[in-house]
Amino acid sequence: MNKVRIIWKLIEDYFDGDTDKTFLWLTTDNPILGNVCPLSMILCGREDKLLKFIKLQLEENIRE
């Protein structure tokens, strides 16, 4: 599975399968990412950094 599909699946799972919320998250500027939308990061070839960020955030969310 390529990294973009992994990113989509992780976010979709987080939103309990809601594809609208997943799409919105991917296309909205994120202040934690420097006011860049995750989709822009993917298009610029920064999916590794985005995937690392998502995994870290999900891990932190589980621990709380």
N, C-alpha and C. Protein backbone atom coordinates (compact mmCIF):
# COMPACT_ATOMS: atom_id res chain seq x y z
N MET A 1 0.86 -1.18 0.00
CA MET A 1 0.00 0.00 0.00
C MET A 1 0.90 1.24 0.00
N ASN A 2 0.60 2.18 -0.89
CA ASN A 2 1.45 3.37 -0.92
C ASN A 2 1.12 4.31 0.24
N LYS A 3 2.00 5.24 0.47
CA LYS A 3 1.89 6.12 1.64
C LYS A 3 0.65 7.00 1.62
N VAL A 4 0.23 7.43 0.47
CA VAL A 4 -0.96 8.28 0.38
C VAL A 4 -2.20 7.48 0.81
N ARG A 5 -2.28 6.25 0.39
CA ARG A 5 -3.41 5.41 0.81
C ARG A 5 -3.36 5.13 2.30
N ILE A 6 -2.17 4.95 2.84
CA ILE A 6 -2.02 4.74 4.28
C ILE A 6 -2.50 5.98 5.04
N ILE A 7 -2.08 7.15 4.57
CA ILE A 7 -2.50 8.41 5.19
C ILE A 7 -4.02 8.52 5.16
N TRP A 8 -4.62 8.29 4.00
CA TRP A 8 -6.08 8.38 3.88
C TRP A 8 -6.74 7.42 4.87
N LYS A 9 -6.27 6.18 4.91
CA LYS A 9 -6.88 5.16 5.76
C LYS A 9 -6.76 5.52 7.24
N LEU A 10 -5.60 6.01 7.67
CA LEU A 10 -5.42 6.39 9.07
C LEU A 10 -6.38 7.50 9.47
N ILE A 11 -6.50 8.51 8.60
CA ILE A 11 -7.40 9.63 8.91
C ILE A 11 -8.85 9.18 8.84
N GLU A 12 -9.19 8.39 7.85
CA GLU A 12 -10.55 7.88 7.73
C GLU A 12 -10.94 7.03 8.95
N ASP A 13 -10.03 6.20 9.41
CA ASP A 13 -10.29 5.40 10.61
C ASP A 13 -10.49 6.30 11.82
N TYR A 14 -9.69 7.34 11.92
CA TYR A 14 -9.82 8.28 13.04
C TYR A 14 -11.22 8.91 13.06
N PHE A 15 -11.73 9.21 11.87
CA PHE A 15 -13.07 9.81 11.77
C PHE A 15 -14.16 8.75 11.58
N ASP A 16 -13.90 7.55 12.02
CA ASP A 16 -14.89 6.45 11.97
C ASP A 16 -15.49 6.24 10.59
N GLY A 17 -14.64 6.31 9.58
CA GLY A 17 -15.08 6.02 8.22
C GLY A 17 -15.77 7.16 7.50
N ASP A 18 -15.82 8.33 8.10
CA ASP A 18 -16.49 9.49 7.48
C ASP A 18 -15.56 10.10 6.43
N THR A 19 -15.86 9.83 5.16
CA THR A 19 -14.99 10.31 4.09
C THR A 19 -15.06 11.82 3.92
N ASP A 20 -16.20 12.43 4.24
CA ASP A 20 -16.30 13.88 4.15
C ASP A 20 -15.35 14.56 5.14
N LYS A 21 -15.33 14.07 6.37
CA LYS A 21 -14.42 14.64 7.38
C LYS A 21 -12.96 14.38 6.99
N THR A 22 -12.71 13.20 6.45
CA THR A 22 -11.35 12.86 6.02
C THR A 22 -10.89 13.83 4.93
N PHE A 23 -11.73 14.04 3.93
CA PHE A 23 -11.40 14.96 2.84
C PHE A 23 -11.20 16.37 3.36
N LEU A 24 -12.07 16.81 4.26
CA LEU A 24 -11.96 18.14 4.84
C LEU A 24 -10.63 18.30 5.59
N TRP A 25 -10.26 17.29 6.38
CA TRP A 25 -9.00 17.36 7.12
C TRP A 25 -7.82 17.46 6.15
N LEU A 26 -7.87 16.71 5.08
CA LEU A 26 -6.75 16.70 4.12
C LEU A 26 -6.65 17.99 3.31
N THR A 27 -7.74 18.72 3.20
CA THR A 27 -7.74 19.91 2.33
C THR A 27 -7.81 21.24 3.09
N THR A 28 -7.76 21.18 4.41
CA THR A 28 -7.82 22.39 5.23
C THR A 28 -6.44 22.73 5.76
N ASP A 29 -6.07 24.01 5.68
CA ASP A 29 -4.78 24.44 6.24
C ASP A 29 -4.73 24.07 7.72
N ASN A 30 -3.61 23.53 8.13
CA ASN A 30 -3.44 23.05 9.50
C ASN A 30 -2.36 23.88 10.19
N PRO A 31 -2.71 24.60 11.25
CA PRO A 31 -1.71 25.43 11.93
C PRO A 31 -0.54 24.63 12.50
N ILE A 32 -0.79 23.40 12.89
CA ILE A 32 0.30 22.58 13.44
C ILE A 32 1.30 22.21 12.35
N LEU A 33 0.84 22.21 11.11
CA LEU A 33 1.72 21.89 9.98
C LEU A 33 2.25 23.16 9.31
N GLY A 34 2.20 24.27 10.00
CA GLY A 34 2.69 25.53 9.44
C GLY A 34 1.69 26.18 8.50
N ASN A 35 0.41 26.01 8.80
CA ASN A 35 -0.68 26.56 7.98
C ASN A 35 -0.66 26.05 6.55
N VAL A 36 -0.28 24.80 6.40
CA VAL A 36 -0.29 24.13 5.11
C VAL A 36 -1.31 23.00 5.20
N CYS A 37 -2.04 22.77 4.12
CA CYS A 37 -2.98 21.65 4.16
C CYS A 37 -2.22 20.35 3.88
N PRO A 38 -2.63 19.27 4.49
CA PRO A 38 -1.96 17.99 4.29
C PRO A 38 -1.88 17.58 2.82
N LEU A 39 -2.91 17.87 2.05
CA LEU A 39 -2.87 17.52 0.63
C LEU A 39 -1.72 18.22 -0.08
N SER A 40 -1.46 19.48 0.27
CA SER A 40 -0.33 20.20 -0.32
C SER A 40 0.99 19.52 0.02
N MET A 41 1.09 19.02 1.24
CA MET A 41 2.31 18.30 1.63
C MET A 41 2.51 17.06 0.76
N ILE A 42 1.40 16.35 0.51
CA ILE A 42 1.47 15.16 -0.34
C ILE A 42 1.90 15.54 -1.76
N LEU A 43 1.30 16.59 -2.29
CA LEU A 43 1.60 17.01 -3.66
C LEU A 43 3.03 17.52 -3.82
N CYS A 44 3.62 17.99 -2.72
CA CYS A 44 5.01 18.48 -2.75
C CYS A 44 6.01 17.38 -2.42
N GLY A 45 5.52 16.15 -2.26
CA GLY A 45 6.41 15.03 -1.99
C GLY A 45 6.82 14.89 -0.53
N ARG A 46 6.04 15.48 0.37
CA ARG A 46 6.38 15.44 1.79
C ARG A 46 5.47 14.46 2.56
N GLU A 47 5.02 13.41 1.86
CA GLU A 47 4.13 12.46 2.50
C GLU A 47 4.80 11.69 3.64
N ASP A 48 6.12 11.51 3.57
CA ASP A 48 6.83 10.84 4.68
C ASP A 48 6.69 11.65 5.97
N LYS A 49 6.91 12.95 5.86
CA LYS A 49 6.79 13.82 7.03
C LYS A 49 5.35 13.84 7.54
N LEU A 50 4.39 13.91 6.64
CA LEU A 50 2.99 13.92 7.02
C LEU A 50 2.59 12.61 7.70
N LEU A 51 3.02 11.50 7.16
CA LEU A 51 2.70 10.20 7.74
C LEU A 51 3.29 10.07 9.14
N LYS A 52 4.51 10.53 9.31
CA LYS A 52 5.14 10.52 10.63
C LYS A 52 4.35 11.38 11.62
N PHE A 53 3.93 12.56 11.18
CA PHE A 53 3.14 13.46 12.00
C PHE A 53 1.82 12.80 12.42
N ILE A 54 1.12 12.20 11.46
CA ILE A 54 -0.17 11.57 11.75
C ILE A 54 0.00 10.44 12.76
N LYS A 55 0.99 9.59 12.54
CA LYS A 55 1.21 8.47 13.46
C LYS A 55 1.52 8.97 14.86
N LEU A 56 2.32 10.01 14.98
CA LEU A 56 2.65 10.58 16.28
C LEU A 56 1.40 11.15 16.95
N GLN A 57 0.58 11.88 16.21
CA GLN A 57 -0.64 12.46 16.77
C GLN A 57 -1.61 11.37 17.22
N LEU A 58 -1.76 10.33 16.42
CA LEU A 58 -2.65 9.24 16.80
C LEU A 58 -2.14 8.51 18.04
N GLU A 59 -0.84 8.33 18.11
CA GLU A 59 -0.24 7.68 19.28
C GLU A 59 -0.47 8.52 20.54
N GLU A 60 -0.29 9.83 20.41
CA GLU A 60 -0.51 10.73 21.54
C GLU A 60 -1.99 10.72 21.96
N ASN A 61 -2.88 10.66 21.00
CA ASN A 61 -4.31 10.64 21.26
C ASN A 61 -4.71 9.37 22.03
N ILE A 62 -4.11 8.26 21.68
CA ILE A 62 -4.40 6.98 22.34
C ILE A 62 -3.96 7.01 23.80
N ARG A 63 -2.82 7.63 24.06
CA ARG A 63 -2.28 7.67 25.42
C ARG A 63 -3.07 8.56 26.36
N GLU A 64 -3.83 9.49 25.82
CA GLU A 64 -4.56 10.44 26.69
C GLU A 64 -5.85 9.88 27.17
